[in-house]
Every structure is written in structure tokens, then in C-alpha cells.
Amino acid sequence: MSSQAKLKVTLVKSTIGRLEKHKACVAGLGLRKTGSSAVVIDTPENRGMINRVSYLLKVEEA
């Protein structure tokens, strides 16, 4: 499990006034408030959520 690639995602913009699908993607990544970070496994599902709300996030290799 530790050999899988991981990504650190940080919410840099607010979700206020965004589409419900985009808010759901942010919550699915484990992010709550602006400035919060989460480490997620690099899977196609997580990549899809990151791509959909990329304008709200900062993504780094973890």
C-alpha cells in the first residue's frame, strides 16, 4: 500500500457559489476549508475529481 503514488491536494479557493458537483468533488477529496490539505492515493477516480476542480486546488507530489 505504501508503494502507491500519493498526491497532496490543497484547497486554495472557496467553494461558495460553485456547482454542487464541484463541491461534492472537493468533499470527496477530504477537503473542508480554504487552506486545508489532504493526501490522496493517485487513482483514476481521484485524478478525475482533481481535474474537475483543478481551478480550486493546488496539487503536489507527496
PDB file of N, CA and C in Angstrom:
ATOM      1  N   MET A   1       0.821  -1.191   0.000  1.00  0.00           N
ATOM      2  CA  MET A   1       0.000   0.000   0.000  1.00  0.00           C
ATOM      3  C   MET A   1       0.866   1.257   0.000  1.00  0.00           C
ATOM      4  N   SER A   2       1.976   1.245   0.702  1.00  0.00           N
ATOM      5  CA  SER A   2       2.814   2.435   0.760  1.00  0.00           C
ATOM      6  C   SER A   2       3.558   2.676  -0.543  1.00  0.00           C
ATOM      7  N   SER A   3       3.598   1.674  -1.442  1.00  0.00           N
ATOM      8  CA  SER A   3       4.309   1.847  -2.701  1.00  0.00           C
ATOM      9  C   SER A   3       3.488   2.619  -3.737  1.00  0.00           C
ATOM     10  N   GLN A   4       2.200   2.857  -3.459  1.00  0.00           N
ATOM     11  CA  GLN A   4       1.364   3.590  -4.401  1.00  0.00           C
ATOM     12  C   GLN A   4       1.706   5.075  -4.355  1.00  0.00           C
ATOM     13  N   ALA A   5       1.626   5.721  -5.515  1.00  0.00           N
ATOM     14  CA  ALA A   5       1.900   7.152  -5.594  1.00  0.00           C
ATOM     15  C   ALA A   5       0.812   7.920  -4.851  1.00  0.00           C
ATOM     16  N   LYS A   6       1.230   9.000  -4.190  1.00  0.00           N
ATOM     17  CA  LYS A   6       0.281   9.816  -3.445  1.00  0.00           C
ATOM     18  C   LYS A   6       0.397  11.259  -3.890  1.00  0.00           C
ATOM     19  N   LEU A   7      -0.707  11.982  -3.770  1.00  0.00           N
ATOM     20  CA  LEU A   7      -0.769  13.393  -4.127  1.00  0.00           C
ATOM     21  C   LEU A   7      -1.247  14.191  -2.927  1.00  0.00           C
ATOM     22  N   LYS A   8      -0.642  15.350  -2.730  1.00  0.00           N
ATOM     23  CA  LYS A   8      -1.114  16.260  -1.689  1.00  0.00           C
ATOM     24  C   LYS A   8      -1.927  17.341  -2.373  1.00  0.00           C
ATOM     25  N   VAL A   9      -3.199  17.444  -2.015  1.00  0.00           N
ATOM     26  CA  VAL A   9      -4.076  18.458  -2.607  1.00  0.00           C
ATOM     27  C   VAL A   9      -4.437  19.493  -1.541  1.00  0.00           C
ATOM     28  N   THR A  10      -4.412  20.754  -1.926  1.00  0.00           N
ATOM     29  CA  THR A  10      -4.723  21.855  -1.023  1.00  0.00           C
ATOM     30  C   THR A  10      -5.801  22.719  -1.660  1.00  0.00           C
ATOM     31  N   LEU A  11      -6.824  23.027  -0.888  1.00  0.00           N
ATOM     32  CA  LEU A  11      -7.907  23.892  -1.363  1.00  0.00           C
ATOM     33  C   LEU A  11      -7.457  25.342  -1.238  1.00  0.00           C
ATOM     34  N   VAL A  12      -7.313  26.050  -2.365  1.00  0.00           N
ATOM     35  CA  VAL A  12      -6.808  27.422  -2.335  1.00  0.00           C
ATOM     36  C   VAL A  12      -7.900  28.457  -2.625  1.00  0.00           C
ATOM     37  N   LYS A  13      -9.043  28.025  -3.143  1.00  0.00           N
ATOM     38  CA  LYS A  13     -10.162  28.934  -3.387  1.00  0.00           C
ATOM     39  C   LYS A  13     -11.410  28.367  -2.718  1.00  0.00           C
ATOM     40  N   SER A  14     -12.325  29.236  -2.371  1.00  0.00           N
ATOM     41  CA  SER A  14     -13.549  28.844  -1.679  1.00  0.00           C
ATOM     42  C   SER A  14     -14.519  28.111  -2.608  1.00  0.00           C
ATOM     43  N   THR A  15     -15.363  27.272  -2.011  1.00  0.00           N
ATOM     44  CA  THR A  15     -16.389  26.565  -2.775  1.00  0.00           C
ATOM     45  C   THR A  15     -17.731  27.306  -2.753  1.00  0.00           C
ATOM     46  N   ILE A  16     -17.765  28.466  -2.126  1.00  0.00           N
ATOM     47  CA  ILE A  16     -19.009  29.237  -2.067  1.00  0.00           C
ATOM     48  C   ILE A  16     -19.415  29.662  -3.479  1.00  0.00           C
ATOM     49  N   GLY A  17     -20.645  29.378  -3.846  1.00  0.00           N
ATOM     50  CA  GLY A  17     -21.164  29.769  -5.150  1.00  0.00           C
ATOM     51  C   GLY A  17     -20.770  28.846  -6.287  1.00  0.00           C
ATOM     52  N   ARG A  18     -20.143  27.716  -5.983  1.00  0.00           N
ATOM     53  CA  ARG A  18     -19.718  26.770  -7.026  1.00  0.00           C
ATOM     54  C   ARG A  18     -20.828  25.761  -7.280  1.00  0.00           C
ATOM     55  N   LEU A  19     -20.691  25.007  -8.346  1.00  0.00           N
ATOM     56  CA  LEU A  19     -21.661  23.965  -8.663  1.00  0.00           C
ATOM     57  C   LEU A  19     -21.652  22.875  -7.594  1.00  0.00           C
ATOM     58  N   GLU A  20     -22.809  22.260  -7.380  1.00  0.00           N
ATOM     59  CA  GLU A  20     -22.914  21.203  -6.366  1.00  0.00           C
ATOM     60  C   GLU A  20     -21.988  20.027  -6.667  1.00  0.00           C
ATOM     61  N   LYS A  21     -21.828  19.698  -7.956  1.00  0.00           N
ATOM     62  CA  LYS A  21     -20.919  18.605  -8.328  1.00  0.00           C
ATOM     63  C   LYS A  21     -19.482  18.936  -7.947  1.00  0.00           C
ATOM     64  N   HIS A  22     -19.107  20.198  -8.090  1.00  0.00           N
ATOM     65  CA  HIS A  22     -17.755  20.604  -7.750  1.00  0.00           C
ATOM     66  C   HIS A  22     -17.553  20.578  -6.242  1.00  0.00           C
ATOM     67  N   LYS A  23     -18.567  21.011  -5.492  1.00  0.00           N
ATOM     68  CA  LYS A  23     -18.488  20.934  -4.028  1.00  0.00           C
ATOM     69  C   LYS A  23     -18.358  19.487  -3.574  1.00  0.00           C
ATOM     70  N   ALA A  24     -19.080  18.584  -4.240  1.00  0.00           N
ATOM     71  CA  ALA A  24     -19.021  17.162  -3.893  1.00  0.00           C
ATOM     72  C   ALA A  24     -17.639  16.586  -4.183  1.00  0.00           C
ATOM     73  N   CYS A  25     -17.013  16.997  -5.248  1.00  0.00           N
ATOM     74  CA  CYS A  25     -15.659  16.537  -5.577  1.00  0.00           C
ATOM     75  C   CYS A  25     -14.666  16.998  -4.520  1.00  0.00           C
ATOM     76  N   VAL A  26     -14.787  18.255  -4.090  1.00  0.00           N
ATOM     77  CA  VAL A  26     -13.891  18.780  -3.055  1.00  0.00           C
ATOM     78  C   VAL A  26     -14.075  17.985  -1.757  1.00  0.00           C
ATOM     79  N   ALA A  27     -15.312  17.727  -1.383  1.00  0.00           N
ATOM     80  CA  ALA A  27     -15.578  16.953  -0.174  1.00  0.00           C
ATOM     81  C   ALA A  27     -15.083  15.519  -0.324  1.00  0.00           C
ATOM     82  N   GLY A  28     -15.218  14.956  -1.499  1.00  0.00           N
ATOM     83  CA  GLY A  28     -14.751  13.595  -1.751  1.00  0.00           C
ATOM     84  C   GLY A  28     -13.247  13.450  -1.636  1.00  0.00           C
ATOM     85  N   LEU A  29     -12.531  14.540  -1.875  1.00  0.00           N
ATOM     86  CA  LEU A  29     -11.081  14.535  -1.722  1.00  0.00           C
ATOM     87  C   LEU A  29     -10.660  14.752  -0.264  1.00  0.00           C
ATOM     88  N   GLY A  30     -11.625  14.998   0.604  1.00  0.00           N
ATOM     89  CA  GLY A  30     -11.323  15.164   2.028  1.00  0.00           C
ATOM     90  C   GLY A  30     -10.978  16.580   2.420  1.00  0.00           C
ATOM     91  N   LEU A  31     -11.402  17.548   1.619  1.00  0.00           N
ATOM     92  CA  LEU A  31     -11.096  18.952   1.902  1.00  0.00           C
ATOM     93  C   LEU A  31     -12.337  19.653   2.450  1.00  0.00           C
ATOM     94  N   ARG A  32     -12.123  20.537   3.428  1.00  0.00           N
ATOM     95  CA  ARG A  32     -13.246  21.245   4.029  1.00  0.00           C
ATOM     96  C   ARG A  32     -13.125  22.750   3.855  1.00  0.00           C
ATOM     97  N   LYS A  33     -12.144  23.348   4.524  1.00  0.00           N
ATOM     98  CA  LYS A  33     -11.991  24.795   4.491  1.00  0.00           C
ATOM     99  C   LYS A  33     -10.897  25.207   3.518  1.00  0.00           C
ATOM    100  N   THR A  34     -10.927  26.464   3.124  1.00  0.00           N
ATOM    101  CA  THR A  34      -9.858  27.011   2.302  1.00  0.00           C
ATOM    102  C   THR A  34      -8.542  26.886   3.069  1.00  0.00           C
ATOM    103  N   GLY A  35      -7.531  26.377   2.411  1.00  0.00           N
ATOM    104  CA  GLY A  35      -6.238  26.190   3.043  1.00  0.00           C
ATOM    105  C   GLY A  35      -6.026  24.795   3.600  1.00  0.00           C
ATOM    106  N   SER A  36      -7.084  23.984   3.640  1.00  0.00           N
ATOM    107  CA  SER A  36      -6.939  22.630   4.159  1.00  0.00           C
ATOM    108  C   SER A  36      -6.272  21.745   3.111  1.00  0.00           C
ATOM    109  N   SER A  37      -5.527  20.749   3.593  1.00  0.00           N
ATOM    110  CA  SER A  37      -4.798  19.839   2.713  1.00  0.00           C
ATOM    111  C   SER A  37      -5.170  18.404   3.033  1.00  0.00           C
ATOM    112  N   ALA A  38      -5.002  17.544   2.041  1.00  0.00           N
ATOM    113  CA  ALA A  38      -5.226  16.113   2.228  1.00  0.00           C
ATOM    114  C   ALA A  38      -4.268  15.365   1.313  1.00  0.00           C
ATOM    115  N   VAL A  39      -3.854  14.185   1.756  1.00  0.00           N
ATOM    116  CA  VAL A  39      -3.013  13.319   0.933  1.00  0.00           C
ATOM    117  C   VAL A  39      -3.905  12.196   0.422  1.00  0.00           C
ATOM    118  N   VAL A  40      -3.972  12.050  -0.899  1.00  0.00           N
ATOM    119  CA  VAL A  40      -4.820  11.032  -1.521  1.00  0.00           C
ATOM    120  C   VAL A  40      -3.967  10.130  -2.401  1.00  0.00           C
ATOM    121  N   ILE A  41      -4.431   8.915  -2.592  1.00  0.00           N
ATOM    122  CA  ILE A  41      -3.746   7.971  -3.467  1.00  0.00           C
ATOM    123  C   ILE A  41      -4.030   8.362  -4.916  1.00  0.00           C
ATOM    124  N   ASP A  42      -3.022   8.245  -5.759  1.00  0.00           N
ATOM    125  CA  ASP A  42      -3.135   8.630  -7.167  1.00  0.00           C
ATOM    126  C   ASP A  42      -3.848   7.521  -7.947  1.00  0.00           C
ATOM    127  N   THR A  43      -5.190   7.607  -7.977  1.00  0.00           N
ATOM    128  CA  THR A  43      -6.010   6.650  -8.722  1.00  0.00           C
ATOM    129  C   THR A  43      -6.758   7.404  -9.818  1.00  0.00           C
ATOM    130  N   PRO A  44      -7.270   6.703 -10.816  1.00  0.00           N
ATOM    131  CA  PRO A  44      -8.048   7.387 -11.863  1.00  0.00           C
ATOM    132  C   PRO A  44      -9.264   8.132 -11.298  1.00  0.00           C
ATOM    133  N   GLU A  45      -9.877   7.586 -10.255  1.00  0.00           N
ATOM    134  CA  GLU A  45     -11.051   8.225  -9.658  1.00  0.00           C
ATOM    135  C   GLU A  45     -10.664   9.559  -9.019  1.00  0.00           C
ATOM    136  N   ASN A  46      -9.581   9.552  -8.239  1.00  0.00           N
ATOM    137  CA  ASN A  46      -9.132  10.784  -7.596  1.00  0.00           C
ATOM    138  C   ASN A  46      -8.619  11.778  -8.626  1.00  0.00           C
ATOM    139  N   ARG A  47      -7.944  11.306  -9.668  1.00  0.00           N
ATOM    140  CA  ARG A  47      -7.469  12.183 -10.735  1.00  0.00           C
ATOM    141  C   ARG A  47      -8.637  12.884 -11.426  1.00  0.00           C
ATOM    142  N   GLY A  48      -9.739  12.155 -11.626  1.00  0.00           N
ATOM    143  CA  GLY A  48     -10.919  12.745 -12.250  1.00  0.00           C
ATOM    144  C   GLY A  48     -11.506  13.867 -11.413  1.00  0.00           C
ATOM    145  N   MET A  49     -11.572  13.642 -10.091  1.00  0.00           N
ATOM    146  CA  MET A  49     -12.088  14.688  -9.200  1.00  0.00           C
ATOM    147  C   MET A  49     -11.150  15.892  -9.189  1.00  0.00           C
ATOM    148  N   ILE A  50      -9.848  15.622  -9.169  1.00  0.00           N
ATOM    149  CA  ILE A  50      -8.866  16.711  -9.170  1.00  0.00           C
ATOM    150  C   ILE A  50      -8.963  17.509 -10.470  1.00  0.00           C
ATOM    151  N   ASN A  51      -9.101  16.833 -11.599  1.00  0.00           N
ATOM    152  CA  ASN A  51      -9.200  17.528 -12.881  1.00  0.00           C
ATOM    153  C   ASN A  51     -10.455  18.386 -12.964  1.00  0.00           C
ATOM    154  N   ARG A  52     -11.548  17.909 -12.391  1.00  0.00           N
ATOM    155  CA  ARG A  52     -12.812  18.649 -12.459  1.00  0.00           C
ATOM    156  C   ARG A  52     -12.732  19.955 -11.681  1.00  0.00           C
ATOM    157  N   VAL A  53     -12.052  19.964 -10.547  1.00  0.00           N
ATOM    158  CA  VAL A  53     -11.993  21.171  -9.705  1.00  0.00           C
ATOM    159  C   VAL A  53     -10.569  21.714  -9.622  1.00  0.00           C
ATOM    160  N   SER A  54      -9.797  21.528 -10.668  1.00  0.00           N
ATOM    161  CA  SER A  54      -8.392  21.953 -10.655  1.00  0.00           C
ATOM    162  C   SER A  54      -8.231  23.457 -10.433  1.00  0.00           C
ATOM    163  N   TYR A  55      -9.224  24.241 -10.809  1.00  0.00           N
ATOM    164  CA  TYR A  55      -9.156  25.688 -10.636  1.00  0.00           C
ATOM    165  C   TYR A  55      -9.293  26.104  -9.171  1.00  0.00           C
ATOM    166  N   LEU A  56      -9.654  25.167  -8.293  1.00  0.00           N
ATOM    167  CA  LEU A  56      -9.768  25.451  -6.861  1.00  0.00           C
ATOM    168  C   LEU A  56      -8.599  24.900  -6.057  1.00  0.00           C
ATOM    169  N   LEU A  57      -7.763  24.067  -6.676  1.00  0.00           N
ATOM    170  CA  LEU A  57      -6.774  23.288  -5.939  1.00  0.00           C
ATOM    171  C   LEU A  57      -5.337  23.618  -6.315  1.00  0.00           C
ATOM    172  N   LYS A  58      -4.446  23.247  -5.396  1.00  0.00           N
ATOM    173  CA  LYS A  58      -3.014  23.179  -5.678  1.00  0.00           C
ATOM    174  C   LYS A  58      -2.625  21.731  -5.435  1.00  0.00           C
ATOM    175  N   VAL A  59      -1.945  21.098  -6.397  1.00  0.00           N
ATOM    176  CA  VAL A  59      -1.617  19.675  -6.322  1.00  0.00           C
ATOM    177  C   VAL A  59      -0.103  19.517  -6.322  1.00  0.00           C
ATOM    178  N   GLU A  60       0.388  18.665  -5.391  1.00  0.00           N
ATOM    179  CA  GLU A  60       1.819  18.384  -5.292  1.00  0.00           C
ATOM    180  C   GLU A  60       2.008  16.891  -5.146  1.00  0.00           C
ATOM    181  N   GLU A  61       3.188  16.399  -5.532  1.00  0.00           N
ATOM    182  CA  GLU A  61       3.545  15.006  -5.286  1.00  0.00           C
ATOM    183  C   GLU A  61       3.837  14.858  -3.789  1.00  0.00           C
ATOM    184  N   ALA A  62       3.352  13.775  -3.199  1.00  0.00           N
ATOM    185  CA  ALA A  62       3.598  13.580  -1.766  1.00  0.00           C
ATOM    186  C   ALA A  62       4.528  12.422  -1.514  1.00  0.00           C
TER     187      ALA A  62
END
